[in-house]
Protein backbone atom coordinates (compact mmCIF):
# COMPACT_ATOMS: atom_id res chain seq x y z
CA MET A 1 -6.67 111.17 193.34
CA ASN A 2 -7.51 113.20 196.28
CA SER A 3 -7.84 117.05 196.47
CA SER A 4 -4.25 117.50 198.12
CA ASN A 5 -2.88 115.60 195.11
CA LYS A 6 -4.77 117.58 192.66
CA PHE A 7 -3.49 120.82 194.49
CA VAL A 8 0.08 119.66 194.04
CA ILE A 9 -0.20 118.86 190.81
CA SER A 10 -1.63 122.23 189.80
CA ILE A 11 1.33 124.14 191.66
CA GLU A 12 3.80 121.82 189.89
CA ASN A 13 2.15 122.54 186.34
CA VAL A 14 2.09 126.63 187.22
CA LEU A 15 5.70 126.56 188.31
CA PHE A 16 6.67 124.54 185.15
CA ALA A 17 4.79 127.00 182.85
CA SER A 18 6.83 129.73 184.69
CA ARG A 19 9.59 129.10 182.67
CA TRP A 20 8.07 130.91 180.01
CA LEU A 21 8.41 133.94 181.87
CA LEU A 22 12.33 133.73 181.08
CA ALA A 23 11.06 134.20 177.04
CA PRO A 24 11.02 138.01 177.34
CA PHE A 25 14.67 138.29 179.12
CA PHE A 26 16.06 136.29 176.21
CA PHE A 27 14.16 138.45 173.64
CA ALA A 28 15.66 141.80 175.51
CA LEU A 29 18.79 140.19 175.08
CA ALA A 30 18.32 139.71 171.11
CA LEU A 31 17.17 143.49 171.39
CA SER A 32 20.76 144.09 172.99
CA LEU A 33 22.22 142.82 170.03
CA THR A 34 21.01 145.93 168.23
CA VAL A 35 22.77 148.24 170.44
CA LEU A 36 26.03 146.24 170.31
CA LEU A 37 25.51 146.40 166.23
CA LEU A 38 25.25 150.30 166.71
CA LYS A 39 28.32 150.42 168.59
CA THR A 40 30.49 148.28 166.32
CA GLY A 41 29.17 150.87 163.36
CA GLN A 42 30.40 153.71 165.42
CA HIS A 43 33.82 152.08 166.16
CA VAL A 44 34.16 151.00 162.50
CA PHE A 45 33.08 154.71 161.33
CA HIS A 46 35.90 156.29 163.76
CA LEU A 47 38.46 153.75 162.56
CA VAL A 48 37.86 154.46 159.20
CA GLU A 49 37.57 157.87 159.75
CA THR A 50 40.60 158.61 161.65
CA ALA A 51 42.59 155.66 159.93
CA PHE A 52 45.28 157.87 158.29
CA GLY A 53 45.93 160.35 161.24
CA SER A 54 46.01 157.64 164.06
CA THR A 55 49.10 155.97 165.20
CA GLU A 56 49.29 152.26 165.15
CA SER A 57 48.59 152.02 168.73
CA ASP A 58 45.34 153.89 168.22
CA VAL A 59 44.44 151.72 165.55
CA VAL A 60 45.14 148.58 167.60
CA LEU A 61 43.12 149.75 170.49
CA GLU A 62 40.26 150.59 168.11
CA VAL A 63 40.59 146.93 166.54
CA LEU A 64 40.78 145.66 170.09
CA GLY A 65 37.40 147.37 170.66
CA LEU A 66 35.63 145.80 167.83
CA ILE A 67 36.93 142.22 169.21
CA ASP A 68 35.62 142.90 172.59
CA LEU A 69 32.37 144.06 170.73
CA CYS A 70 32.19 140.66 168.81
CA LEU A 71 32.97 138.51 171.75
CA THR A 72 30.26 140.12 173.77
CA GLY A 73 27.87 139.97 170.98
CA SER A 74 28.80 136.28 170.61
CA LEU A 75 28.48 135.73 174.23
CA VAL A 76 24.80 137.24 173.99
CA VAL A 77 24.15 134.83 171.20
CA LEU A 78 25.25 131.98 173.20
CA VAL A 79 23.25 132.86 176.43
CA ILE A 80 20.14 133.37 174.43
CA PHE A 81 20.23 130.14 172.43
CA SER A 82 21.38 127.90 175.19
CA GLY A 83 19.42 129.31 178.10
CA TYR A 84 16.24 129.08 175.95
CA GLU A 85 17.22 125.44 175.29
CA ASN A 86 18.28 124.64 178.81
CA PHE A 87 15.44 126.38 180.51
CA VAL A 88 12.31 127.29 178.44
CA SER A 89 11.66 125.01 175.60
CA ARG A 90 13.84 122.60 173.26
CA THR A 91 14.69 124.04 169.68
CA ASP A 92 14.66 121.85 166.76
CA PRO A 93 17.86 122.62 164.58
CA GLY A 94 16.46 120.19 161.66
CA ARG A 95 13.73 122.50 160.91
CA ASN A 96 16.53 125.27 159.85
CA LYS A 97 19.61 123.92 158.14
CA SER A 98 21.32 127.26 158.80
CA TRP A 99 21.27 126.85 162.75
CA PRO A 100 24.64 125.97 164.48
CA GLU A 101 25.20 122.57 165.35
CA TRP A 102 25.99 123.16 168.89
CA MET A 103 22.45 124.93 169.42
CA ALA A 104 20.90 121.84 170.48
CA SER A 105 23.52 119.86 172.11
CA ILE A 106 25.32 122.09 174.61
CA ASP A 107 24.31 121.28 178.12
CA PHE A 108 24.62 123.60 181.33
CA GLY A 109 27.79 122.68 182.25
CA GLY A 110 29.07 123.21 178.63
CA LEU A 111 27.22 126.44 178.84
CA LYS A 112 29.05 127.57 181.82
CA LEU A 113 32.41 126.82 180.46
CA LYS A 114 31.86 128.82 177.17
CA LEU A 115 30.64 131.65 179.20
CA ILE A 116 33.50 132.10 181.72
CA SER A 117 35.71 131.35 178.52
CA SER A 118 34.06 134.33 176.90
CA ILE A 119 34.50 136.33 179.93
CA VAL A 120 38.01 135.40 180.55
CA ALA A 121 38.88 136.50 176.78
CA ILE A 122 36.99 139.81 177.07
CA SER A 123 38.84 140.33 180.40
CA GLY A 124 42.06 139.74 178.82
CA ILE A 125 41.49 142.30 176.12
CA GLN A 126 40.39 144.82 178.34
CA THR A 127 43.88 144.16 180.32
CA LEU A 128 45.46 144.50 176.85
CA ARG A 129 43.85 147.57 176.22
CA SER A 130 44.99 148.85 179.62
CA PHE A 131 48.74 148.01 178.88
CA MET A 132 48.28 149.56 175.41
CA GLU A 133 47.36 152.77 177.26
CA ILE A 134 49.85 152.28 179.94
CA GLN A 135 50.80 156.23 179.94
CA ASN A 136 46.85 156.71 180.74
CA GLU A 137 46.71 154.35 183.67
CA SER A 138 47.92 154.37 187.19
CA ASP A 139 49.71 151.50 188.59
CA ARG A 140 46.70 150.96 190.97
CA SER A 141 44.52 150.80 187.94
CA LEU A 142 46.92 148.34 186.01
CA MET A 143 47.15 146.15 189.33
CA TRP A 144 43.31 145.95 189.55
CA SER A 145 42.88 145.06 186.23
CA VAL A 146 45.38 142.28 186.11
CA GLY A 147 44.03 141.03 189.35
CA ILE A 148 40.69 140.92 188.13
CA HIS A 149 41.60 139.00 184.90
CA LEU A 150 43.59 136.63 187.03
CA ALA A 151 40.48 136.13 189.20
CA PHE A 152 38.31 135.09 186.07
CA VAL A 153 40.96 132.82 184.85
CA LEU A 154 41.09 131.21 188.22
CA SER A 155 37.52 130.94 188.51
CA ALA A 156 37.37 129.48 184.62
CA LEU A 157 40.21 126.90 185.67
CA LEU A 158 38.18 125.81 188.72
CA LEU A 159 35.01 125.47 186.94
CA ALA A 160 36.65 123.38 184.04
CA LEU A 161 38.12 121.30 186.97
CA SER A 162 35.18 121.00 188.77
CA GLU A 163 33.24 119.87 185.42
CA ARG A 164 36.01 117.48 184.23
CA LEU A 165 35.69 115.61 187.80
CA SER A 166 32.01 115.60 187.94
CA HIS A 167 31.99 113.89 184.42
CA SER A 168 34.85 111.69 185.04
CA PRO A 169 34.26 107.82 185.15
CA SER A 170 34.24 105.96 188.42
CA PRO A 171 37.78 104.04 188.84
CA ALA A 172 37.49 100.57 187.86
CA GLY A 173 36.17 98.05 190.44
CA GLU A 174 34.26 100.91 192.05
CA ALA A 175 30.49 100.48 191.80
CA GLU A 176 28.44 103.40 190.49
CA HIS A 177 25.87 105.05 192.75
């Protein structure tokens, strides 16, 4: 092996090892779950504290806030596990029986679809919250909320369609390339 091949292999090894630089990002996301947990506790405390003096609409808005936090936390967990599995290192779900089945089976395409689906759900909740507080929202603000939500929905549909087309079997009689 000549020196230029050794140099190329060394560069490739360094680049391959650099994937571990992502691990602190996933750890930071795991820590961010603590902040979401604190916010969830704050919402629950406020909900219980004001339950008897609140209107039904106020309670629904607080519950929507909890759902929003739950979806966001689930999204963070999804990104942590599937991102780590796809970009850093394989995990062995057989080592721990409590690990979800999907952890080792979600590919990058599946991750993208789950992410955009979660974003659409979060956006939908935010849009619903805007309509629940319609008296405090301007027409322009409501229009932007609906427009942004529709953009997320359209993005999700296009992404799902592109994933489906990229994984569809070739028509009978056509040679695979």
